[in-house]
Amino acid sequence: MTRERREQEIRALIDDWTDAICNGDIKRVLENRTDDIVLYDVPEPLQSTGIKAYEATWSLFFDHNPAGPNRFCFRDIQIVAGEDVAYAFGRLVIGGGDAHCRLTLGLRRVNGEWKVTHEHHSMPIKLG
C-alpha cells in the first residue's frame, strides 16, 4: 500500500471521528480507538487510560458544547503514515471559535485497520 493510500485511510478515519463528535455519536467516537488508548486532555483528568476512561471524557465535552458542524473542527491536518505506525496533528477549533487548541493523534495498524492509540489535546496559555 502506498503512503498516499495510508494517509487517505487515516484522513477518512479522522473525518468520520470529527463528524461523530459534531453529532454526539459516542459509538462512532470510540470506534477506531484501542482498548488501551491514552488521552492527554485539557480539562482534568490530564491523563485518561483505557477506553472506558476515554469514553467518560466525552460526556463532559458533550455536556458543554452543543451539537452541530462547528462543535469540533480539526483543521490544517498533517498526516505522516508509515507501514504500521502513523501520527496526525493540527489545530482544533471548538464551538465555532470559542476555543483554539492543538490536537495530535498517534495511530497503529491493528489487524489491517488504523486505530488511535494516543490522543493529545492542548491549549496555549499566555504568560505574563
C-alpha atoms as a PDB file:
ATOM      1  CA  MET A   1       0.000   0.000   0.000  1.00  0.00           C
ATOM      2  CA  THR A   2       1.334   3.443  -0.883  1.00  0.00           C
ATOM      3  CA  ARG A   3       1.986   6.240   1.612  1.00  0.00           C
ATOM      4  CA  GLU A   4      -0.723   8.302  -0.088  1.00  0.00           C
ATOM      5  CA  ARG A   5      -3.267   5.499   0.376  1.00  0.00           C
ATOM      6  CA  ARG A   6      -2.360   5.126   4.066  1.00  0.00           C
ATOM      7  CA  GLU A   7      -2.768   8.860   4.568  1.00  0.00           C
ATOM      8  CA  GLN A   8      -6.159   8.767   2.791  1.00  0.00           C
ATOM      9  CA  GLU A   9      -7.336   5.987   5.112  1.00  0.00           C
ATOM     10  CA  ILE A  10      -6.286   7.992   8.160  1.00  0.00           C
ATOM     11  CA  ARG A  11      -7.930  11.164   6.842  1.00  0.00           C
ATOM     12  CA  ALA A  12     -11.177   9.217   6.327  1.00  0.00           C
ATOM     13  CA  LEU A  13     -10.936   7.895   9.904  1.00  0.00           C
ATOM     14  CA  ILE A  14     -10.408  11.448  11.214  1.00  0.00           C
ATOM     15  CA  ASP A  15     -13.288  12.836   9.126  1.00  0.00           C
ATOM     16  CA  ASP A  16     -15.658  10.166  10.411  1.00  0.00           C
ATOM     17  CA  TRP A  17     -14.498  10.730  14.003  1.00  0.00           C
ATOM     18  CA  THR A  18     -14.994  14.507  13.851  1.00  0.00           C
ATOM     19  CA  ASP A  19     -18.427  14.015  12.264  1.00  0.00           C
ATOM     20  CA  ALA A  20     -19.326  11.637  15.105  1.00  0.00           C
ATOM     21  CA  ILE A  21     -18.239  14.229  17.676  1.00  0.00           C
ATOM     22  CA  CYS A  22     -20.216  17.008  15.978  1.00  0.00           C
ATOM     23  CA  ASN A  23     -23.302  14.772  16.030  1.00  0.00           C
ATOM     24  CA  GLY A  24     -22.815  13.355  19.525  1.00  0.00           C
ATOM     25  CA  ASP A  25     -22.478   9.764  18.290  1.00  0.00           C
ATOM     26  CA  ILE A  26     -20.387   8.247  21.091  1.00  0.00           C
ATOM     27  CA  LYS A  27     -20.331   4.789  19.457  1.00  0.00           C
ATOM     28  CA  ARG A  28     -18.556   6.213  16.398  1.00  0.00           C
ATOM     29  CA  VAL A  29     -16.313   8.415  18.575  1.00  0.00           C
ATOM     30  CA  LEU A  30     -14.967   5.246  20.226  1.00  0.00           C
ATOM     31  CA  GLU A  31     -14.963   3.072  17.115  1.00  0.00           C
ATOM     32  CA  ASN A  32     -11.360   3.479  15.956  1.00  0.00           C
ATOM     33  CA  ARG A  33      -9.659   3.661  19.359  1.00  0.00           C
ATOM     34  CA  THR A  34      -7.685   0.871  21.016  1.00  0.00           C
ATOM     35  CA  ASP A  35      -8.813  -0.565  24.344  1.00  0.00           C
ATOM     36  CA  ASP A  36      -5.619   0.778  25.941  1.00  0.00           C
ATOM     37  CA  ILE A  37      -5.804   4.313  24.473  1.00  0.00           C
ATOM     38  CA  VAL A  38      -4.061   7.071  26.425  1.00  0.00           C
ATOM     39  CA  LEU A  39      -5.583  10.559  26.289  1.00  0.00           C
ATOM     40  CA  TYR A  40      -3.895  13.756  27.468  1.00  0.00           C
ATOM     41  CA  ASP A  41      -6.652  16.333  27.686  1.00  0.00           C
ATOM     42  CA  VAL A  42      -7.118  19.988  28.590  1.00  0.00           C
ATOM     43  CA  PRO A  43      -9.682  19.549  31.387  1.00  0.00           C
ATOM     44  CA  GLU A  44      -8.904  17.209  34.253  1.00  0.00           C
ATOM     45  CA  PRO A  45      -8.035  14.469  34.464  1.00  0.00           C
ATOM     46  CA  LEU A  46      -4.954  15.342  32.476  1.00  0.00           C
ATOM     47  CA  GLN A  47      -4.428  11.680  31.579  1.00  0.00           C
ATOM     48  CA  SER A  48      -7.081   9.068  30.904  1.00  0.00           C
ATOM     49  CA  THR A  49      -6.018   5.489  30.212  1.00  0.00           C
ATOM     50  CA  GLY A  50      -8.244   2.852  28.646  1.00  0.00           C
ATOM     51  CA  ILE A  51     -11.359   3.023  26.508  1.00  0.00           C
ATOM     52  CA  LYS A  52     -13.787   3.409  29.461  1.00  0.00           C
ATOM     53  CA  ALA A  53     -11.853   6.391  30.848  1.00  0.00           C
ATOM     54  CA  TYR A  54     -11.627   7.850  27.335  1.00  0.00           C
ATOM     55  CA  GLU A  55     -15.389   7.447  26.872  1.00  0.00           C
ATOM     56  CA  ALA A  56     -16.050   9.257  30.166  1.00  0.00           C
ATOM     57  CA  THR A  57     -14.180  12.353  28.950  1.00  0.00           C
ATOM     58  CA  TRP A  58     -16.680  12.782  26.110  1.00  0.00           C
ATOM     59  CA  SER A  59     -19.637  13.153  28.490  1.00  0.00           C
ATOM     60  CA  LEU A  60     -18.089  16.340  29.858  1.00  0.00           C
ATOM     61  CA  PHE A  61     -17.383  17.608  26.340  1.00  0.00           C
ATOM     62  CA  PHE A  62     -20.893  16.856  25.051  1.00  0.00           C
ATOM     63  CA  ASP A  63     -22.475  18.481  28.129  1.00  0.00           C
ATOM     64  CA  HIS A  64     -20.638  21.772  27.494  1.00  0.00           C
ATOM     65  CA  ASN A  65     -20.568  22.015  23.694  1.00  0.00           C
ATOM     66  CA  PRO A  66     -23.801  21.994  21.685  1.00  0.00           C
ATOM     67  CA  ALA A  67     -24.080  19.608  18.748  1.00  0.00           C
ATOM     68  CA  GLY A  68     -23.584  20.944  15.262  1.00  0.00           C
ATOM     69  CA  PRO A  69     -20.990  21.273  12.499  1.00  0.00           C
ATOM     70  CA  ASN A  70     -18.845  23.731  14.489  1.00  0.00           C
ATOM     71  CA  ARG A  71     -18.699  21.659  17.674  1.00  0.00           C
ATOM     72  CA  PHE A  72     -15.286  20.142  16.855  1.00  0.00           C
ATOM     73  CA  CYS A  73     -13.287  21.256  13.797  1.00  0.00           C
ATOM     74  CA  PHE A  74      -9.865  19.672  13.205  1.00  0.00           C
ATOM     75  CA  ARG A  75      -8.012  21.928  10.723  1.00  0.00           C
ATOM     76  CA  ASP A  76      -4.682  22.129   8.935  1.00  0.00           C
ATOM     77  CA  ILE A  77      -4.222  18.409   9.469  1.00  0.00           C
ATOM     78  CA  GLN A  78      -0.812  16.951   8.708  1.00  0.00           C
ATOM     79  CA  ILE A  79      -0.546  13.163   8.441  1.00  0.00           C
ATOM     80  CA  VAL A  80       2.590  11.052   8.418  1.00  0.00           C
ATOM     81  CA  ALA A  81       1.932   7.363   7.832  1.00  0.00           C
ATOM     82  CA  GLY A  82       4.403   4.509   7.871  1.00  0.00           C
ATOM     83  CA  GLU A  83       3.514   0.872   7.286  1.00  0.00           C
ATOM     84  CA  ASP A  84       2.116   0.233  10.791  1.00  0.00           C
ATOM     85  CA  VAL A  85       2.546   3.463  12.761  1.00  0.00           C
ATOM     86  CA  ALA A  86       1.334   6.976  11.978  1.00  0.00           C
ATOM     87  CA  TYR A  87       0.608  10.325  13.517  1.00  0.00           C
ATOM     88  CA  ALA A  88      -1.581  13.282  12.659  1.00  0.00           C
ATOM     89  CA  PHE A  89      -1.600  16.780  14.074  1.00  0.00           C
ATOM     90  CA  GLY A  90      -3.322  20.078  13.520  1.00  0.00           C
ATOM     91  CA  ARG A  91      -5.357  22.873  15.033  1.00  0.00           C
ATOM     92  CA  LEU A  92      -8.616  22.227  16.793  1.00  0.00           C
ATOM     93  CA  VAL A  93     -11.408  24.793  16.961  1.00  0.00           C
ATOM     94  CA  ILE A  94     -14.227  24.060  19.382  1.00  0.00           C
ATOM     95  CA  GLY A  95     -17.648  25.697  19.388  1.00  0.00           C
ATOM     96  CA  GLY A  96     -17.213  27.750  16.239  1.00  0.00           C
ATOM     97  CA  GLY A  97     -14.177  29.615  17.507  1.00  0.00           C
ATOM     98  CA  ASP A  98     -14.631  29.820  21.259  1.00  0.00           C
ATOM     99  CA  ALA A  99     -11.608  27.634  21.961  1.00  0.00           C
ATOM    100  CA  HIS A 100      -8.470  27.125  19.921  1.00  0.00           C
ATOM    101  CA  CYS A 101      -6.428  24.048  20.743  1.00  0.00           C
ATOM    102  CA  ARG A 102      -3.861  21.691  19.308  1.00  0.00           C
ATOM    103  CA  LEU A 103      -4.547  18.037  18.641  1.00  0.00           C
ATOM    104  CA  THR A 104      -2.147  15.177  17.989  1.00  0.00           C
ATOM    105  CA  LEU A 105      -3.167  11.598  17.256  1.00  0.00           C
ATOM    106  CA  GLY A 106      -0.881   8.559  17.388  1.00  0.00           C
ATOM    107  CA  LEU A 107      -2.093   5.588  15.351  1.00  0.00           C
ATOM    108  CA  ARG A 108      -1.156   1.952  14.906  1.00  0.00           C
ATOM    109  CA  ARG A 109      -2.341  -0.547  12.300  1.00  0.00           C
ATOM    110  CA  VAL A 110      -4.133  -3.387  14.113  1.00  0.00           C
ATOM    111  CA  ASN A 111      -5.381  -6.357  12.082  1.00  0.00           C
ATOM    112  CA  GLY A 112      -5.163  -4.261   8.918  1.00  0.00           C
ATOM    113  CA  GLU A 113      -7.078  -1.248  10.289  1.00  0.00           C
ATOM    114  CA  TRP A 114      -5.827   2.062  11.666  1.00  0.00           C
ATOM    115  CA  LYS A 115      -6.562   2.576  15.366  1.00  0.00           C
ATOM    116  CA  VAL A 116      -5.810   5.616  17.517  1.00  0.00           C
ATOM    117  CA  THR A 117      -3.637   4.611  20.477  1.00  0.00           C
ATOM    118  CA  HIS A 118      -2.807   8.089  21.772  1.00  0.00           C
ATOM    119  CA  GLU A 119      -4.641  11.405  21.642  1.00  0.00           C
ATOM    120  CA  HIS A 120      -3.243  14.671  22.966  1.00  0.00           C
ATOM    121  CA  HIS A 121      -5.264  17.883  23.237  1.00  0.00           C
ATOM    122  CA  SER A 122      -3.506  21.041  24.417  1.00  0.00           C
ATOM    123  CA  MET A 123      -4.395  24.685  24.718  1.00  0.00           C
ATOM    124  CA  PRO A 124      -1.929  27.561  24.549  1.00  0.00           C
ATOM    125  CA  ILE A 125      -1.687  29.831  27.570  1.00  0.00           C
ATOM    126  CA  LYS A 126      -0.499  33.419  27.779  1.00  0.00           C
ATOM    127  CA  LEU A 127       2.334  34.026  30.180  1.00  0.00           C
ATOM    128  CA  GLY A 128       2.910  37.334  31.875  1.00  0.00           C
END
